[in-house]
C-alpha cells in the first residue's frame, strides 16, 4: 500500500488529463508544501460537500493520483497549480494524525485486461471518429485541444472534453472496462452531432 495526501474536491480528474487548481485553504497550503518537497503527487477524490456533507475518507472510494506540473505561488500564501492525472487508486484505509489534511493508504485501481487488444484499438477509432464529427459540426473549433492516440487509453481523454456533469464523470472514472466507457461516451457525441447539425451547420 502507498500513503497519499488526499484533496477532496467537487471535480473529477481523469488519468492523462490536466486541470488547474486554486489552493487557498490553510491545510491544503500545507499539503501542497509537503507535496512539492516530495514527489509532487497527491490524491484527488471527487466529493461535493453540498450534496454529500463532510468528506469521510472511507475505504473503497476511487480517485486519481495528481502530479503537480506547474506551481505559481501568490503573495498572500495562496497558489495556482496545474496538475496532471496519473493513475486511479482506491482508498484502502484512512491514515490518522500527523497532518491537518486527509491522508489514506491506497491501492491500485485498474482496468480488466481486454481480451482483444487489437479490437480495442479499432473500437477507440470509432469513438474518435464520432468526436471529430462533433468538431466538424461546430461553428468554431475550440482552441488547444489535446492530441488523441488510438494506441493508448482514449476514453478518459475524450471524457475530459465532453464536459458532462461531475457525477457522470465519476461513474466513468470508476468503470474498469474501456470499451464500456466508450459505449457510454458515443451517445453523448451522437447527440452533439445531431444538435449541432439540426437545421444545417451554423456559419463560421
Protein backbone atom coordinates (compact mmCIF):
# COMPACT_ATOMS: atom_id res chain seq x y z
CA UNK A 1 0.00 0.00 0.00
CA UNK A 2 1.06 3.58 -0.66
CA UNK A 3 0.16 6.54 1.55
CA UNK A 4 -1.19 9.64 -0.17
CA UNK A 5 -2.31 13.09 0.92
CA UNK A 6 -5.92 13.50 -0.23
CA UNK A 7 -7.63 16.55 -1.67
CA UNK A 8 -11.42 16.09 -1.85
CA UNK A 9 -12.96 18.41 -4.44
CA UNK A 10 -16.19 18.59 -6.48
CA UNK A 11 -14.22 17.89 -9.66
CA UNK A 12 -13.10 14.71 -11.42
CA UNK A 13 -9.55 14.33 -12.71
CA UNK A 14 -9.10 11.72 -15.44
CA UNK A 15 -5.77 9.93 -15.98
CA UNK A 16 -3.79 11.56 -18.77
CA UNK A 17 -5.57 14.92 -18.49
CA UNK A 18 -4.67 18.26 -16.89
CA UNK A 19 -6.66 20.77 -14.86
CA UNK A 20 -5.78 23.99 -12.95
CA UNK A 21 -6.47 24.36 -9.23
CA UNK A 22 -6.51 27.29 -6.82
CA UNK A 23 -5.07 26.37 -3.40
CA UNK A 24 -6.24 28.76 -0.67
CA UNK A 25 -7.33 26.82 2.45
CA UNK A 26 -4.59 26.68 5.12
CA UNK A 27 -4.45 22.89 5.46
CA UNK A 28 -4.13 22.41 1.72
CA UNK A 29 -1.44 25.05 1.52
CA UNK A 30 0.46 22.88 4.00
CA UNK A 31 -0.35 19.79 1.95
CA UNK A 32 0.97 21.45 -1.20
CA UNK A 33 4.19 22.49 0.54
CA UNK A 34 4.77 18.90 1.64
CA UNK A 35 3.92 17.55 -1.81
CA UNK A 36 6.31 19.94 -3.55
CA UNK A 37 9.12 18.86 -1.22
CA UNK A 38 8.45 15.23 -2.13
CA UNK A 39 7.30 13.51 -5.30
CA UNK A 40 4.81 16.29 -6.21
CA UNK A 41 1.86 13.87 -6.02
CA UNK A 42 -1.39 13.74 -4.07
CA UNK A 43 -4.74 12.04 -4.48
CA UNK A 44 -7.73 13.95 -5.83
CA UNK A 45 -11.06 12.45 -4.76
CA UNK A 46 -14.41 13.63 -6.09
CA UNK A 47 -16.54 14.96 -3.24
CA UNK A 48 -19.31 17.57 -3.30
CA UNK A 49 -19.99 18.76 0.27
CA UNK A 50 -23.25 20.41 -0.79
CA UNK A 51 -24.60 17.01 -1.83
CA UNK A 52 -22.76 14.59 0.47
CA UNK A 53 -21.83 16.57 3.58
CA UNK A 54 -18.37 16.25 5.18
CA UNK A 55 -15.75 14.10 3.49
CA UNK A 56 -15.47 10.80 5.38
CA UNK A 57 -12.26 9.34 3.85
CA UNK A 58 -13.90 5.92 3.64
CA UNK A 59 -12.39 2.76 2.18
CA UNK A 60 -13.48 1.92 -1.35
CA UNK A 61 -13.59 5.43 -2.77
CA UNK A 62 -11.88 5.81 -6.16
CA UNK A 63 -9.77 8.83 -7.06
CA UNK A 64 -6.87 9.84 -9.27
CA UNK A 65 -3.23 10.43 -8.42
CA UNK A 66 -2.44 14.04 -9.35
CA UNK A 67 1.06 15.25 -10.16
CA UNK A 68 1.83 18.95 -9.83
CA UNK A 69 3.24 20.11 -13.16
CA UNK A 70 3.28 23.87 -12.57
CA UNK A 71 3.19 25.90 -9.37
CA UNK A 72 2.63 29.65 -9.13
CA UNK A 73 2.80 30.98 -5.54
CA UNK A 74 0.84 34.16 -4.80
CA UNK A 75 1.87 36.88 -2.37
CA UNK A 76 -0.80 36.11 0.23
CA UNK A 77 0.16 32.42 0.51
CA UNK A 78 -2.35 31.07 -1.97
CA UNK A 79 -1.14 29.14 -5.02
CA UNK A 80 -2.20 28.36 -8.54
CA UNK A 81 -1.18 24.91 -9.73
CA UNK A 82 -1.58 22.80 -12.85
CA UNK A 83 -1.99 19.09 -12.20
CA UNK A 84 -1.92 16.04 -14.43
CA UNK A 85 -3.83 12.84 -13.72
CA UNK A 86 -1.53 9.81 -13.48
CA UNK A 87 -3.34 6.65 -12.34
CA UNK A 88 -6.51 5.76 -10.48
CA UNK A 89 -6.45 4.48 -6.93
CA UNK A 90 -8.85 3.08 -4.36
CA UNK A 91 -8.77 4.15 -0.71
CA UNK A 92 -7.97 1.17 1.50
CA UNK A 93 -7.80 2.79 4.92
CA UNK A 94 -7.62 6.21 6.49
CA UNK A 95 -4.32 7.43 7.97
CA UNK A 96 -4.96 9.30 11.21
CA UNK A 97 -2.84 12.00 12.84
CA UNK A 98 0.31 13.78 11.82
CA UNK A 99 -1.20 16.32 9.40
CA UNK A 100 -4.16 18.71 9.25
CA UNK A 101 -5.20 17.38 5.83
CA UNK A 102 -6.60 13.98 4.86
CA UNK A 103 -4.30 11.02 4.24
CA UNK A 104 -5.03 7.44 3.28
CA UNK A 105 -3.34 4.21 2.37
CA UNK A 106 -4.35 3.45 -1.19
CA UNK A 107 -4.05 0.63 -3.69
CA UNK A 108 -4.15 0.49 -7.49
CA UNK A 109 -7.45 0.59 -9.35
CA UNK A 110 -7.00 -0.79 -12.86
CA UNK A 111 -8.96 -1.90 -15.88
CA UNK A 112 -9.72 -5.52 -16.54
CA UNK A 113 -7.29 -6.55 -19.33
CA UNK A 114 -9.08 -6.60 -22.71
CA UNK A 115 -9.47 -9.96 -24.41
CA UNK A 116 -8.55 -8.46 -27.79
CA UNK A 117 -6.13 -5.56 -27.72
CA UNK A 118 -6.26 -5.03 -31.47
CA UNK A 119 -10.03 -4.89 -31.34
CA UNK A 120 -9.81 -2.19 -28.69
CA UNK A 121 -7.70 -0.03 -30.99
CA UNK A 122 -10.40 -0.24 -33.66
CA UNK A 123 -13.07 0.49 -31.07
CA UNK A 124 -11.23 3.63 -29.99
CA UNK A 125 -11.11 4.71 -33.61
CA UNK A 126 -14.91 4.60 -33.85
CA UNK A 127 -15.36 6.87 -30.84
CA UNK A 128 -12.66 9.24 -32.05
CA UNK A 129 -14.39 9.48 -35.43
CA UNK A 130 -17.65 10.45 -33.70
CA UNK A 131 -15.84 13.08 -31.66
CA UNK A 132 -14.27 14.51 -34.82
CA UNK A 133 -17.75 14.73 -36.35
CA UNK A 134 -18.82 16.79 -33.34
CA UNK A 135 -15.95 19.18 -34.02
CA UNK A 136 -16.93 19.40 -37.70
CA UNK A 137 -20.48 20.35 -36.70
CA UNK A 138 -19.34 23.29 -34.56
CA UNK A 139 -19.24 26.85 -35.91
CA UNK A 140 -15.89 27.35 -34.18
CA UNK A 141 -13.46 24.58 -33.21
CA UNK A 142 -12.15 25.03 -29.63
CA UNK A 143 -8.51 26.02 -29.36
CA UNK A 144 -5.82 23.98 -27.62
CA UNK A 145 -7.49 20.59 -27.96
CA UNK A 146 -5.32 17.69 -26.76
CA UNK A 147 -3.93 15.19 -29.22
CA UNK A 148 -5.52 11.75 -29.35
CA UNK A 149 -3.79 8.42 -29.99
CA UNK A 150 -5.84 5.25 -30.54
CA UNK A 151 -2.84 3.17 -29.48
CA UNK A 152 -3.30 4.46 -25.91
CA UNK A 153 -6.19 4.68 -23.47
CA UNK A 154 -8.62 7.09 -25.10
CA UNK A 155 -11.87 7.15 -23.15
CA UNK A 156 -10.61 9.35 -20.31
CA UNK A 157 -9.11 11.91 -22.68
CA UNK A 158 -12.36 12.11 -24.65
CA UNK A 159 -14.41 12.29 -21.45
CA UNK A 160 -12.36 15.26 -20.24
CA UNK A 161 -13.53 17.36 -23.20
CA UNK A 162 -17.13 16.08 -23.20
CA UNK A 163 -18.00 18.41 -20.27
CA UNK A 164 -20.66 16.21 -18.70
CA UNK A 165 -21.73 16.65 -15.07
CA UNK A 166 -19.28 15.53 -12.39
CA UNK A 167 -21.42 12.66 -11.06
CA UNK A 168 -21.47 11.19 -14.59
CA UNK A 169 -17.71 11.72 -14.85
CA UNK A 170 -17.11 9.92 -11.55
CA UNK A 171 -19.16 6.95 -12.70
CA UNK A 172 -17.00 6.82 -15.83
CA UNK A 173 -13.81 7.04 -13.75
CA UNK A 174 -14.89 4.01 -11.71
CA UNK A 175 -15.65 1.80 -14.72
CA UNK A 176 -12.97 -0.85 -15.32
CA UNK A 177 -13.66 -1.61 -18.99
CA UNK A 178 -12.54 0.91 -21.61
CA UNK A 179 -14.96 -0.44 -24.21
CA UNK A 180 -17.83 0.14 -21.76
CA UNK A 181 -16.61 3.70 -21.17
CA UNK A 182 -16.52 4.35 -24.91
CA UNK A 183 -20.03 2.91 -25.18
CA UNK A 184 -21.08 5.48 -22.58
CA UNK A 185 -19.42 8.32 -24.50
CA UNK A 186 -20.69 7.56 -28.01
CA UNK A 187 -24.35 8.60 -27.39
CA UNK A 188 -23.06 11.92 -25.99
CA UNK A 189 -21.16 12.55 -29.21
CA UNK A 190 -24.10 11.48 -31.39
CA UNK A 191 -26.37 13.87 -29.52
CA UNK A 192 -23.88 16.66 -30.08
CA UNK A 193 -23.69 15.89 -33.79
CA UNK A 194 -27.49 15.83 -34.20
CA UNK A 195 -27.97 19.03 -32.20
CA UNK A 196 -25.25 20.99 -33.97
CA UNK A 197 -26.29 19.89 -37.44
CA UNK A 198 -30.02 20.39 -36.86
CA UNK A 199 -31.13 22.88 -39.47
CA UNK A 200 -27.71 22.90 -41.12
CA UNK A 201 -24.25 23.68 -39.84
CA UNK A 202 -24.03 27.26 -38.49
CA UNK A 203 -21.93 29.70 -40.45
CA UNK A 204 -18.46 30.30 -39.04
